[in-house]
Amino acid sequence: KDMTGAVMDPFCAFLILRGLKTLE
């Protein structure tokens, strides 16, 4: 938060949540 500011975008999080369902 205070140094890099390298936060994840919410749409990116949504896409990975979808991808994770088929990870195994």
PDBML (XML) file of the C-alpha atoms, coordinates in Angstrom:
<?xml version="1.0" encoding="UTF-8" ?>
<PDBx:datablock datablockName="MODEL"
   xmlns:PDBx="http://pdbml.pdb.org/schema/pdbx-v50.xsd"
   xmlns:xsi="http://www.w3.org/2001/XMLSchema-instance"
   xsi:schemaLocation="http://pdbml.pdb.org/schema/pdbx-v50.xsd pdbx-v50.xsd">
   <PDBx:atom_siteCategory>
      <PDBx:atom_site id="1">
         <PDBx:B_iso_or_equiv>0.00</PDBx:B_iso_or_equiv>
         <PDBx:Cartn_x>0.000</PDBx:Cartn_x>
         <PDBx:Cartn_y>0.000</PDBx:Cartn_y>
         <PDBx:Cartn_z>0.000</PDBx:Cartn_z>
         <PDBx:auth_asym_id>A</PDBx:auth_asym_id>
         <PDBx:auth_atom_id>CA</PDBx:auth_atom_id>
         <PDBx:auth_comp_id>LYS</PDBx:auth_comp_id>
         <PDBx:auth_seq_id>1</PDBx:auth_seq_id>
         <PDBx:group_PDB>ATOM</PDBx:group_PDB>
         <PDBx:label_alt_id xsi:nil="true" />
         <PDBx:label_asym_id>A</PDBx:label_asym_id>
         <PDBx:label_atom_id>CA</PDBx:label_atom_id>
         <PDBx:label_comp_id>LYS</PDBx:label_comp_id>
         <PDBx:label_entity_id>1</PDBx:label_entity_id>
         <PDBx:label_seq_id>1</PDBx:label_seq_id>
         <PDBx:occupancy>1.00</PDBx:occupancy>
         <PDBx:pdbx_PDB_model_num>1</PDBx:pdbx_PDB_model_num>
         <PDBx:type_symbol>C</PDBx:type_symbol>
      </PDBx:atom_site>
      <PDBx:atom_site id="2">
         <PDBx:B_iso_or_equiv>0.00</PDBx:B_iso_or_equiv>
         <PDBx:Cartn_x>2.601</PDBx:Cartn_x>
         <PDBx:Cartn_y>2.566</PDBx:Cartn_y>
         <PDBx:Cartn_z>1.085</PDBx:Cartn_z>
         <PDBx:auth_asym_id>A</PDBx:auth_asym_id>
         <PDBx:auth_atom_id>CA</PDBx:auth_atom_id>
         <PDBx:auth_comp_id>ASP</PDBx:auth_comp_id>
         <PDBx:auth_seq_id>2</PDBx:auth_seq_id>
         <PDBx:group_PDB>ATOM</PDBx:group_PDB>
         <PDBx:label_alt_id xsi:nil="true" />
         <PDBx:label_asym_id>A</PDBx:label_asym_id>
         <PDBx:label_atom_id>CA</PDBx:label_atom_id>
         <PDBx:label_comp_id>ASP</PDBx:label_comp_id>
         <PDBx:label_entity_id>1</PDBx:label_entity_id>
         <PDBx:label_seq_id>2</PDBx:label_seq_id>
         <PDBx:occupancy>1.00</PDBx:occupancy>
         <PDBx:pdbx_PDB_model_num>1</PDBx:pdbx_PDB_model_num>
         <PDBx:type_symbol>C</PDBx:type_symbol>
      </PDBx:atom_site>
      <PDBx:atom_site id="3">
         <PDBx:B_iso_or_equiv>0.00</PDBx:B_iso_or_equiv>
         <PDBx:Cartn_x>5.636</PDBx:Cartn_x>
         <PDBx:Cartn_y>1.665</PDBx:Cartn_y>
         <PDBx:Cartn_z>-1.044</PDBx:Cartn_z>
         <PDBx:auth_asym_id>A</PDBx:auth_asym_id>
         <PDBx:auth_atom_id>CA</PDBx:auth_atom_id>
         <PDBx:auth_comp_id>MET</PDBx:auth_comp_id>
         <PDBx:auth_seq_id>3</PDBx:auth_seq_id>
         <PDBx:group_PDB>ATOM</PDBx:group_PDB>
         <PDBx:label_alt_id xsi:nil="true" />
         <PDBx:label_asym_id>A</PDBx:label_asym_id>
         <PDBx:label_atom_id>CA</PDBx:label_atom_id>
         <PDBx:label_comp_id>MET</PDBx:label_comp_id>
         <PDBx:label_entity_id>1</PDBx:label_entity_id>
         <PDBx:label_seq_id>3</PDBx:label_seq_id>
         <PDBx:occupancy>1.00</PDBx:occupancy>
         <PDBx:pdbx_PDB_model_num>1</PDBx:pdbx_PDB_model_num>
         <PDBx:type_symbol>C</PDBx:type_symbol>
      </PDBx:atom_site>
      <PDBx:atom_site id="4">
         <PDBx:B_iso_or_equiv>0.00</PDBx:B_iso_or_equiv>
         <PDBx:Cartn_x>5.235</PDBx:Cartn_x>
         <PDBx:Cartn_y>-0.276</PDBx:Cartn_y>
         <PDBx:Cartn_z>-4.274</PDBx:Cartn_z>
         <PDBx:auth_asym_id>A</PDBx:auth_asym_id>
         <PDBx:auth_atom_id>CA</PDBx:auth_atom_id>
         <PDBx:auth_comp_id>THR</PDBx:auth_comp_id>
         <PDBx:auth_seq_id>4</PDBx:auth_seq_id>
         <PDBx:group_PDB>ATOM</PDBx:group_PDB>
         <PDBx:label_alt_id xsi:nil="true" />
         <PDBx:label_asym_id>A</PDBx:label_asym_id>
         <PDBx:label_atom_id>CA</PDBx:label_atom_id>
         <PDBx:label_comp_id>THR</PDBx:label_comp_id>
         <PDBx:label_entity_id>1</PDBx:label_entity_id>
         <PDBx:label_seq_id>4</PDBx:label_seq_id>
         <PDBx:occupancy>1.00</PDBx:occupancy>
         <PDBx:pdbx_PDB_model_num>1</PDBx:pdbx_PDB_model_num>
         <PDBx:type_symbol>C</PDBx:type_symbol>
      </PDBx:atom_site>
      <PDBx:atom_site id="5">
         <PDBx:B_iso_or_equiv>0.00</PDBx:B_iso_or_equiv>
         <PDBx:Cartn_x>1.533</PDBx:Cartn_x>
         <PDBx:Cartn_y>0.391</PDBx:Cartn_y>
         <PDBx:Cartn_z>-4.846</PDBx:Cartn_z>
         <PDBx:auth_asym_id>A</PDBx:auth_asym_id>
         <PDBx:auth_atom_id>CA</PDBx:auth_atom_id>
         <PDBx:auth_comp_id>GLY</PDBx:auth_comp_id>
         <PDBx:auth_seq_id>5</PDBx:auth_seq_id>
         <PDBx:group_PDB>ATOM</PDBx:group_PDB>
         <PDBx:label_alt_id xsi:nil="true" />
         <PDBx:label_asym_id>A</PDBx:label_asym_id>
         <PDBx:label_atom_id>CA</PDBx:label_atom_id>
         <PDBx:label_comp_id>GLY</PDBx:label_comp_id>
         <PDBx:label_entity_id>1</PDBx:label_entity_id>
         <PDBx:label_seq_id>5</PDBx:label_seq_id>
         <PDBx:occupancy>1.00</PDBx:occupancy>
         <PDBx:pdbx_PDB_model_num>1</PDBx:pdbx_PDB_model_num>
         <PDBx:type_symbol>C</PDBx:type_symbol>
      </PDBx:atom_site>
      <PDBx:atom_site id="6">
         <PDBx:B_iso_or_equiv>0.00</PDBx:B_iso_or_equiv>
         <PDBx:Cartn_x>1.513</PDBx:Cartn_x>
         <PDBx:Cartn_y>-2.873</PDBx:Cartn_y>
         <PDBx:Cartn_z>-6.820</PDBx:Cartn_z>
         <PDBx:auth_asym_id>A</PDBx:auth_asym_id>
         <PDBx:auth_atom_id>CA</PDBx:auth_atom_id>
         <PDBx:auth_comp_id>ALA</PDBx:auth_comp_id>
         <PDBx:auth_seq_id>6</PDBx:auth_seq_id>
         <PDBx:group_PDB>ATOM</PDBx:group_PDB>
         <PDBx:label_alt_id xsi:nil="true" />
         <PDBx:label_asym_id>A</PDBx:label_asym_id>
         <PDBx:label_atom_id>CA</PDBx:label_atom_id>
         <PDBx:label_comp_id>ALA</PDBx:label_comp_id>
         <PDBx:label_entity_id>1</PDBx:label_entity_id>
         <PDBx:label_seq_id>6</PDBx:label_seq_id>
         <PDBx:occupancy>1.00</PDBx:occupancy>
         <PDBx:pdbx_PDB_model_num>1</PDBx:pdbx_PDB_model_num>
         <PDBx:type_symbol>C</PDBx:type_symbol>
      </PDBx:atom_site>
      <PDBx:atom_site id="7">
         <PDBx:B_iso_or_equiv>0.00</PDBx:B_iso_or_equiv>
         <PDBx:Cartn_x>-2.104</PDBx:Cartn_x>
         <PDBx:Cartn_y>-3.744</PDBx:Cartn_y>
         <PDBx:Cartn_z>-6.032</PDBx:Cartn_z>
         <PDBx:auth_asym_id>A</PDBx:auth_asym_id>
         <PDBx:auth_atom_id>CA</PDBx:auth_atom_id>
         <PDBx:auth_comp_id>VAL</PDBx:auth_comp_id>
         <PDBx:auth_seq_id>7</PDBx:auth_seq_id>
         <PDBx:group_PDB>ATOM</PDBx:group_PDB>
         <PDBx:label_alt_id xsi:nil="true" />
         <PDBx:label_asym_id>A</PDBx:label_asym_id>
         <PDBx:label_atom_id>CA</PDBx:label_atom_id>
         <PDBx:label_comp_id>VAL</PDBx:label_comp_id>
         <PDBx:label_entity_id>1</PDBx:label_entity_id>
         <PDBx:label_seq_id>7</PDBx:label_seq_id>
         <PDBx:occupancy>1.00</PDBx:occupancy>
         <PDBx:pdbx_PDB_model_num>1</PDBx:pdbx_PDB_model_num>
         <PDBx:type_symbol>C</PDBx:type_symbol>
      </PDBx:atom_site>
      <PDBx:atom_site id="8">
         <PDBx:B_iso_or_equiv>0.00</PDBx:B_iso_or_equiv>
         <PDBx:Cartn_x>-4.161</PDBx:Cartn_x>
         <PDBx:Cartn_y>-6.218</PDBx:Cartn_y>
         <PDBx:Cartn_z>-8.022</PDBx:Cartn_z>
         <PDBx:auth_asym_id>A</PDBx:auth_asym_id>
         <PDBx:auth_atom_id>CA</PDBx:auth_atom_id>
         <PDBx:auth_comp_id>MET</PDBx:auth_comp_id>
         <PDBx:auth_seq_id>8</PDBx:auth_seq_id>
         <PDBx:group_PDB>ATOM</PDBx:group_PDB>
         <PDBx:label_alt_id xsi:nil="true" />
         <PDBx:label_asym_id>A</PDBx:label_asym_id>
         <PDBx:label_atom_id>CA</PDBx:label_atom_id>
         <PDBx:label_comp_id>MET</PDBx:label_comp_id>
         <PDBx:label_entity_id>1</PDBx:label_entity_id>
         <PDBx:label_seq_id>8</PDBx:label_seq_id>
         <PDBx:occupancy>1.00</PDBx:occupancy>
         <PDBx:pdbx_PDB_model_num>1</PDBx:pdbx_PDB_model_num>
         <PDBx:type_symbol>C</PDBx:type_symbol>
      </PDBx:atom_site>
      <PDBx:atom_site id="9">
         <PDBx:B_iso_or_equiv>0.00</PDBx:B_iso_or_equiv>
         <PDBx:Cartn_x>-6.993</PDBx:Cartn_x>
         <PDBx:Cartn_y>-4.947</PDBx:Cartn_y>
         <PDBx:Cartn_z>-10.199</PDBx:Cartn_z>
         <PDBx:auth_asym_id>A</PDBx:auth_asym_id>
         <PDBx:auth_atom_id>CA</PDBx:auth_atom_id>
         <PDBx:auth_comp_id>ASP</PDBx:auth_comp_id>
         <PDBx:auth_seq_id>9</PDBx:auth_seq_id>
         <PDBx:group_PDB>ATOM</PDBx:group_PDB>
         <PDBx:label_alt_id xsi:nil="true" />
         <PDBx:label_asym_id>A</PDBx:label_asym_id>
         <PDBx:label_atom_id>CA</PDBx:label_atom_id>
         <PDBx:label_comp_id>ASP</PDBx:label_comp_id>
         <PDBx:label_entity_id>1</PDBx:label_entity_id>
         <PDBx:label_seq_id>9</PDBx:label_seq_id>
         <PDBx:occupancy>1.00</PDBx:occupancy>
         <PDBx:pdbx_PDB_model_num>1</PDBx:pdbx_PDB_model_num>
         <PDBx:type_symbol>C</PDBx:type_symbol>
      </PDBx:atom_site>
      <PDBx:atom_site id="10">
         <PDBx:B_iso_or_equiv>0.00</PDBx:B_iso_or_equiv>
         <PDBx:Cartn_x>-10.432</PDBx:Cartn_x>
         <PDBx:Cartn_y>-6.371</PDBx:Cartn_y>
         <PDBx:Cartn_z>-9.252</PDBx:Cartn_z>
         <PDBx:auth_asym_id>A</PDBx:auth_asym_id>
         <PDBx:auth_atom_id>CA</PDBx:auth_atom_id>
         <PDBx:auth_comp_id>PRO</PDBx:auth_comp_id>
         <PDBx:auth_seq_id>10</PDBx:auth_seq_id>
         <PDBx:group_PDB>ATOM</PDBx:group_PDB>
         <PDBx:label_alt_id xsi:nil="true" />
         <PDBx:label_asym_id>A</PDBx:label_asym_id>
         <PDBx:label_atom_id>CA</PDBx:label_atom_id>
         <PDBx:label_comp_id>PRO</PDBx:label_comp_id>
         <PDBx:label_entity_id>1</PDBx:label_entity_id>
         <PDBx:label_seq_id>10</PDBx:label_seq_id>
         <PDBx:occupancy>1.00</PDBx:occupancy>
         <PDBx:pdbx_PDB_model_num>1</PDBx:pdbx_PDB_model_num>
         <PDBx:type_symbol>C</PDBx:type_symbol>
      </PDBx:atom_site>
      <PDBx:atom_site id="11">
         <PDBx:B_iso_or_equiv>0.00</PDBx:B_iso_or_equiv>
         <PDBx:Cartn_x>-11.115</PDBx:Cartn_x>
         <PDBx:Cartn_y>-7.611</PDBx:Cartn_y>
         <PDBx:Cartn_z>-12.785</PDBx:Cartn_z>
         <PDBx:auth_asym_id>A</PDBx:auth_asym_id>
         <PDBx:auth_atom_id>CA</PDBx:auth_atom_id>
         <PDBx:auth_comp_id>PHE</PDBx:auth_comp_id>
         <PDBx:auth_seq_id>11</PDBx:auth_seq_id>
         <PDBx:group_PDB>ATOM</PDBx:group_PDB>
         <PDBx:label_alt_id xsi:nil="true" />
         <PDBx:label_asym_id>A</PDBx:label_asym_id>
         <PDBx:label_atom_id>CA</PDBx:label_atom_id>
         <PDBx:label_comp_id>PHE</PDBx:label_comp_id>
         <PDBx:label_entity_id>1</PDBx:label_entity_id>
         <PDBx:label_seq_id>11</PDBx:label_seq_id>
         <PDBx:occupancy>1.00</PDBx:occupancy>
         <PDBx:pdbx_PDB_model_num>1</PDBx:pdbx_PDB_model_num>
         <PDBx:type_symbol>C</PDBx:type_symbol>
      </PDBx:atom_site>
      <PDBx:atom_site id="12">
         <PDBx:B_iso_or_equiv>0.00</PDBx:B_iso_or_equiv>
         <PDBx:Cartn_x>-7.797</PDBx:Cartn_x>
         <PDBx:Cartn_y>-9.453</PDBx:Cartn_y>
         <PDBx:Cartn_z>-12.719</PDBx:Cartn_z>
         <PDBx:auth_asym_id>A</PDBx:auth_asym_id>
         <PDBx:auth_atom_id>CA</PDBx:auth_atom_id>
         <PDBx:auth_comp_id>CYS</PDBx:auth_comp_id>
         <PDBx:auth_seq_id>12</PDBx:auth_seq_id>
         <PDBx:group_PDB>ATOM</PDBx:group_PDB>
         <PDBx:label_alt_id xsi:nil="true" />
         <PDBx:label_asym_id>A</PDBx:label_asym_id>
         <PDBx:label_atom_id>CA</PDBx:label_atom_id>
         <PDBx:label_comp_id>CYS</PDBx:label_comp_id>
         <PDBx:label_entity_id>1</PDBx:label_entity_id>
         <PDBx:label_seq_id>12</PDBx:label_seq_id>
         <PDBx:occupancy>1.00</PDBx:occupancy>
         <PDBx:pdbx_PDB_model_num>1</PDBx:pdbx_PDB_model_num>
         <PDBx:type_symbol>C</PDBx:type_symbol>
      </PDBx:atom_site>
      <PDBx:atom_site id="13">
         <PDBx:B_iso_or_equiv>0.00</PDBx:B_iso_or_equiv>
         <PDBx:Cartn_x>-8.801</PDBx:Cartn_x>
         <PDBx:Cartn_y>-11.089</PDBx:Cartn_y>
         <PDBx:Cartn_z>-9.427</PDBx:Cartn_z>
         <PDBx:auth_asym_id>A</PDBx:auth_asym_id>
         <PDBx:auth_atom_id>CA</PDBx:auth_atom_id>
         <PDBx:auth_comp_id>ALA</PDBx:auth_comp_id>
         <PDBx:auth_seq_id>13</PDBx:auth_seq_id>
         <PDBx:group_PDB>ATOM</PDBx:group_PDB>
         <PDBx:label_alt_id xsi:nil="true" />
         <PDBx:label_asym_id>A</PDBx:label_asym_id>
         <PDBx:label_atom_id>CA</PDBx:label_atom_id>
         <PDBx:label_comp_id>ALA</PDBx:label_comp_id>
         <PDBx:label_entity_id>1</PDBx:label_entity_id>
         <PDBx:label_seq_id>13</PDBx:label_seq_id>
         <PDBx:occupancy>1.00</PDBx:occupancy>
         <PDBx:pdbx_PDB_model_num>1</PDBx:pdbx_PDB_model_num>
         <PDBx:type_symbol>C</PDBx:type_symbol>
      </PDBx:atom_site>
      <PDBx:atom_site id="14">
         <PDBx:B_iso_or_equiv>0.00</PDBx:B_iso_or_equiv>
         <PDBx:Cartn_x>-12.104</PDBx:Cartn_x>
         <PDBx:Cartn_y>-12.154</PDBx:Cartn_y>
         <PDBx:Cartn_z>-10.981</PDBx:Cartn_z>
         <PDBx:auth_asym_id>A</PDBx:auth_asym_id>
         <PDBx:auth_atom_id>CA</PDBx:auth_atom_id>
         <PDBx:auth_comp_id>PHE</PDBx:auth_comp_id>
         <PDBx:auth_seq_id>14</PDBx:auth_seq_id>
         <PDBx:group_PDB>ATOM</PDBx:group_PDB>
         <PDBx:label_alt_id xsi:nil="true" />
         <PDBx:label_asym_id>A</PDBx:label_asym_id>
         <PDBx:label_atom_id>CA</PDBx:label_atom_id>
         <PDBx:label_comp_id>PHE</PDBx:label_comp_id>
         <PDBx:label_entity_id>1</PDBx:label_entity_id>
         <PDBx:label_seq_id>14</PDBx:label_seq_id>
         <PDBx:occupancy>1.00</PDBx:occupancy>
         <PDBx:pdbx_PDB_model_num>1</PDBx:pdbx_PDB_model_num>
         <PDBx:type_symbol>C</PDBx:type_symbol>
      </PDBx:atom_site>
      <PDBx:atom_site id="15">
         <PDBx:B_iso_or_equiv>0.00</PDBx:B_iso_or_equiv>
         <PDBx:Cartn_x>-10.348</PDBx:Cartn_x>
         <PDBx:Cartn_y>-13.799</PDBx:Cartn_y>
         <PDBx:Cartn_z>-13.928</PDBx:Cartn_z>
         <PDBx:auth_asym_id>A</PDBx:auth_asym_id>
         <PDBx:auth_atom_id>CA</PDBx:auth_atom_id>
         <PDBx:auth_comp_id>LEU</PDBx:auth_comp_id>
         <PDBx:auth_seq_id>15</PDBx:auth_seq_id>
         <PDBx:group_PDB>ATOM</PDBx:group_PDB>
         <PDBx:label_alt_id xsi:nil="true" />
         <PDBx:label_asym_id>A</PDBx:label_asym_id>
         <PDBx:label_atom_id>CA</PDBx:label_atom_id>
         <PDBx:label_comp_id>LEU</PDBx:label_comp_id>
         <PDBx:label_entity_id>1</PDBx:label_entity_id>
         <PDBx:label_seq_id>15</PDBx:label_seq_id>
         <PDBx:occupancy>1.00</PDBx:occupancy>
         <PDBx:pdbx_PDB_model_num>1</PDBx:pdbx_PDB_model_num>
         <PDBx:type_symbol>C</PDBx:type_symbol>
      </PDBx:atom_site>
      <PDBx:atom_site id="16">
         <PDBx:B_iso_or_equiv>0.00</PDBx:B_iso_or_equiv>
         <PDBx:Cartn_x>-7.976</PDBx:Cartn_x>
         <PDBx:Cartn_y>-15.739</PDBx:Cartn_y>
         <PDBx:Cartn_z>-11.673</PDBx:Cartn_z>
         <PDBx:auth_asym_id>A</PDBx:auth_asym_id>
         <PDBx:auth_atom_id>CA</PDBx:auth_atom_id>
         <PDBx:auth_comp_id>ILE</PDBx:auth_comp_id>
         <PDBx:auth_seq_id>16</PDBx:auth_seq_id>
         <PDBx:group_PDB>ATOM</PDBx:group_PDB>
         <PDBx:label_alt_id xsi:nil="true" />
         <PDBx:label_asym_id>A</PDBx:label_asym_id>
         <PDBx:label_atom_id>CA</PDBx:label_atom_id>
         <PDBx:label_comp_id>ILE</PDBx:label_comp_id>
         <PDBx:label_entity_id>1</PDBx:label_entity_id>
         <PDBx:label_seq_id>16</PDBx:label_seq_id>
         <PDBx:occupancy>1.00</PDBx:occupancy>
         <PDBx:pdbx_PDB_model_num>1</PDBx:pdbx_PDB_model_num>
         <PDBx:type_symbol>C</PDBx:type_symbol>
      </PDBx:atom_site>
      <PDBx:atom_site id="17">
         <PDBx:B_iso_or_equiv>0.00</PDBx:B_iso_or_equiv>
         <PDBx:Cartn_x>-10.827</PDBx:Cartn_x>
         <PDBx:Cartn_y>-16.837</PDBx:Cartn_y>
         <PDBx:Cartn_z>-9.404</PDBx:Cartn_z>
         <PDBx:auth_asym_id>A</PDBx:auth_asym_id>
         <PDBx:auth_atom_id>CA</PDBx:auth_atom_id>
         <PDBx:auth_comp_id>LEU</PDBx:auth_comp_id>
         <PDBx:auth_seq_id>17</PDBx:auth_seq_id>
         <PDBx:group_PDB>ATOM</PDBx:group_PDB>
         <PDBx:label_alt_id xsi:nil="true" />
         <PDBx:label_asym_id>A</PDBx:label_asym_id>
         <PDBx:label_atom_id>CA</PDBx:label_atom_id>
         <PDBx:label_comp_id>LEU</PDBx:label_comp_id>
         <PDBx:label_entity_id>1</PDBx:label_entity_id>
         <PDBx:label_seq_id>17</PDBx:label_seq_id>
         <PDBx:occupancy>1.00</PDBx:occupancy>
         <PDBx:pdbx_PDB_model_num>1</PDBx:pdbx_PDB_model_num>
         <PDBx:type_symbol>C</PDBx:type_symbol>
      </PDBx:atom_site>
      <PDBx:atom_site id="18">
         <PDBx:B_iso_or_equiv>0.00</PDBx:B_iso_or_equiv>
         <PDBx:Cartn_x>-12.469</PDBx:Cartn_x>
         <PDBx:Cartn_y>-18.285</PDBx:Cartn_y>
         <PDBx:Cartn_z>-12.489</PDBx:Cartn_z>
         <PDBx:auth_asym_id>A</PDBx:auth_asym_id>
         <PDBx:auth_atom_id>CA</PDBx:auth_atom_id>
         <PDBx:auth_comp_id>ARG</PDBx:auth_comp_id>
         <PDBx:auth_seq_id>18</PDBx:auth_seq_id>
         <PDBx:group_PDB>ATOM</PDBx:group_PDB>
         <PDBx:label_alt_id xsi:nil="true" />
         <PDBx:label_asym_id>A</PDBx:label_asym_id>
         <PDBx:label_atom_id>CA</PDBx:label_atom_id>
         <PDBx:label_comp_id>ARG</PDBx:label_comp_id>
         <PDBx:label_entity_id>1</PDBx:label_entity_id>
         <PDBx:label_seq_id>18</PDBx:label_seq_id>
         <PDBx:occupancy>1.00</PDBx:occupancy>
         <PDBx:pdbx_PDB_model_num>1</PDBx:pdbx_PDB_model_num>
         <PDBx:type_symbol>C</PDBx:type_symbol>
      </PDBx:atom_site>
      <PDBx:atom_site id="19">
         <PDBx:B_iso_or_equiv>0.00</PDBx:B_iso_or_equiv>
         <PDBx:Cartn_x>-9.258</PDBx:Cartn_x>
         <PDBx:Cartn_y>-19.961</PDBx:Cartn_y>
         <PDBx:Cartn_z>-13.645</PDBx:Cartn_z>
         <PDBx:auth_asym_id>A</PDBx:auth_asym_id>
         <PDBx:auth_atom_id>CA</PDBx:auth_atom_id>
         <PDBx:auth_comp_id>GLY</PDBx:auth_comp_id>
         <PDBx:auth_seq_id>19</PDBx:auth_seq_id>
         <PDBx:group_PDB>ATOM</PDBx:group_PDB>
         <PDBx:label_alt_id xsi:nil="true" />
         <PDBx:label_asym_id>A</PDBx:label_asym_id>
         <PDBx:label_atom_id>CA</PDBx:label_atom_id>
         <PDBx:label_comp_id>GLY</PDBx:label_comp_id>
         <PDBx:label_entity_id>1</PDBx:label_entity_id>
         <PDBx:label_seq_id>19</PDBx:label_seq_id>
         <PDBx:occupancy>1.00</PDBx:occupancy>
         <PDBx:pdbx_PDB_model_num>1</PDBx:pdbx_PDB_model_num>
         <PDBx:type_symbol>C</PDBx:type_symbol>
      </PDBx:atom_site>
      <PDBx:atom_site id="20">
         <PDBx:B_iso_or_equiv>0.00</PDBx:B_iso_or_equiv>
         <PDBx:Cartn_x>-8.561</PDBx:Cartn_x>
         <PDBx:Cartn_y>-21.481</PDBx:Cartn_y>
         <PDBx:Cartn_z>-10.234</PDBx:Cartn_z>
         <PDBx:auth_asym_id>A</PDBx:auth_asym_id>
         <PDBx:auth_atom_id>CA</PDBx:auth_atom_id>
         <PDBx:auth_comp_id>LEU</PDBx:auth_comp_id>
         <PDBx:auth_seq_id>20</PDBx:auth_seq_id>
         <PDBx:group_PDB>ATOM</PDBx:group_PDB>
         <PDBx:label_alt_id xsi:nil="true" />
         <PDBx:label_asym_id>A</PDBx:label_asym_id>
         <PDBx:label_atom_id>CA</PDBx:label_atom_id>
         <PDBx:label_comp_id>LEU</PDBx:label_comp_id>
         <PDBx:label_entity_id>1</PDBx:label_entity_id>
         <PDBx:label_seq_id>20</PDBx:label_seq_id>
         <PDBx:occupancy>1.00</PDBx:occupancy>
         <PDBx:pdbx_PDB_model_num>1</PDBx:pdbx_PDB_model_num>
         <PDBx:type_symbol>C</PDBx:type_symbol>
      </PDBx:atom_site>
      <PDBx:atom_site id="21">
         <PDBx:B_iso_or_equiv>0.00</PDBx:B_iso_or_equiv>
         <PDBx:Cartn_x>-11.711</PDBx:Cartn_x>
         <PDBx:Cartn_y>-23.596</PDBx:Cartn_y>
         <PDBx:Cartn_z>-10.371</PDBx:Cartn_z>
         <PDBx:auth_asym_id>A</PDBx:auth_asym_id>
         <PDBx:auth_atom_id>CA</PDBx:auth_atom_id>
         <PDBx:auth_comp_id>LYS</PDBx:auth_comp_id>
         <PDBx:auth_seq_id>21</PDBx:auth_seq_id>
         <PDBx:group_PDB>ATOM</PDBx:group_PDB>
         <PDBx:label_alt_id xsi:nil="true" />
         <PDBx:label_asym_id>A</PDBx:label_asym_id>
         <PDBx:label_atom_id>CA</PDBx:label_atom_id>
         <PDBx:label_comp_id>LYS</PDBx:label_comp_id>
         <PDBx:label_entity_id>1</PDBx:label_entity_id>
         <PDBx:label_seq_id>21</PDBx:label_seq_id>
         <PDBx:occupancy>1.00</PDBx:occupancy>
         <PDBx:pdbx_PDB_model_num>1</PDBx:pdbx_PDB_model_num>
         <PDBx:type_symbol>C</PDBx:type_symbol>
      </PDBx:atom_site>
      <PDBx:atom_site id="22">
         <PDBx:B_iso_or_equiv>0.00</PDBx:B_iso_or_equiv>
         <PDBx:Cartn_x>-9.984</PDBx:Cartn_x>
         <PDBx:Cartn_y>-25.837</PDBx:Cartn_y>
         <PDBx:Cartn_z>-12.950</PDBx:Cartn_z>
         <PDBx:auth_asym_id>A</PDBx:auth_asym_id>
         <PDBx:auth_atom_id>CA</PDBx:auth_atom_id>
         <PDBx:auth_comp_id>THR</PDBx:auth_comp_id>
         <PDBx:auth_seq_id>22</PDBx:auth_seq_id>
         <PDBx:group_PDB>ATOM</PDBx:group_PDB>
         <PDBx:label_alt_id xsi:nil="true" />
         <PDBx:label_asym_id>A</PDBx:label_asym_id>
         <PDBx:label_atom_id>CA</PDBx:label_atom_id>
         <PDBx:label_comp_id>THR</PDBx:label_comp_id>
         <PDBx:label_entity_id>1</PDBx:label_entity_id>
         <PDBx:label_seq_id>22</PDBx:label_seq_id>
         <PDBx:occupancy>1.00</PDBx:occupancy>
         <PDBx:pdbx_PDB_model_num>1</PDBx:pdbx_PDB_model_num>
         <PDBx:type_symbol>C</PDBx:type_symbol>
      </PDBx:atom_site>
      <PDBx:atom_site id="23">
         <PDBx:B_iso_or_equiv>0.00</PDBx:B_iso_or_equiv>
         <PDBx:Cartn_x>-6.443</PDBx:Cartn_x>
         <PDBx:Cartn_y>-25.707</PDBx:Cartn_y>
         <PDBx:Cartn_z>-11.500</PDBx:Cartn_z>
         <PDBx:auth_asym_id>A</PDBx:auth_asym_id>
         <PDBx:auth_atom_id>CA</PDBx:auth_atom_id>
         <PDBx:auth_comp_id>LEU</PDBx:auth_comp_id>
         <PDBx:auth_seq_id>23</PDBx:auth_seq_id>
         <PDBx:group_PDB>ATOM</PDBx:group_PDB>
         <PDBx:label_alt_id xsi:nil="true" />
         <PDBx:label_asym_id>A</PDBx:label_asym_id>
         <PDBx:label_atom_id>CA</PDBx:label_atom_id>
         <PDBx:label_comp_id>LEU</PDBx:label_comp_id>
         <PDBx:label_entity_id>1</PDBx:label_entity_id>
         <PDBx:label_seq_id>23</PDBx:label_seq_id>
         <PDBx:occupancy>1.00</PDBx:occupancy>
         <PDBx:pdbx_PDB_model_num>1</PDBx:pdbx_PDB_model_num>
         <PDBx:type_symbol>C</PDBx:type_symbol>
      </PDBx:atom_site>
      <PDBx:atom_site id="24">
         <PDBx:B_iso_or_equiv>0.00</PDBx:B_iso_or_equiv>
         <PDBx:Cartn_x>-6.368</PDBx:Cartn_x>
         <PDBx:Cartn_y>-29.289</PDBx:Cartn_y>
         <PDBx:Cartn_z>-10.238</PDBx:Cartn_z>
         <PDBx:auth_asym_id>A</PDBx:auth_asym_id>
         <PDBx:auth_atom_id>CA</PDBx:auth_atom_id>
         <PDBx:auth_comp_id>GLU</PDBx:auth_comp_id>
         <PDBx:auth_seq_id>24</PDBx:auth_seq_id>
         <PDBx:group_PDB>ATOM</PDBx:group_PDB>
         <PDBx:label_alt_id xsi:nil="true" />
         <PDBx:label_asym_id>A</PDBx:label_asym_id>
         <PDBx:label_atom_id>CA</PDBx:label_atom_id>
         <PDBx:label_comp_id>GLU</PDBx:label_comp_id>
         <PDBx:label_entity_id>1</PDBx:label_entity_id>
         <PDBx:label_seq_id>24</PDBx:label_seq_id>
         <PDBx:occupancy>1.00</PDBx:occupancy>
         <PDBx:pdbx_PDB_model_num>1</PDBx:pdbx_PDB_model_num>
         <PDBx:type_symbol>C</PDBx:type_symbol>
      </PDBx:atom_site>
   </PDBx:atom_siteCategory>
</PDBx:datablock>
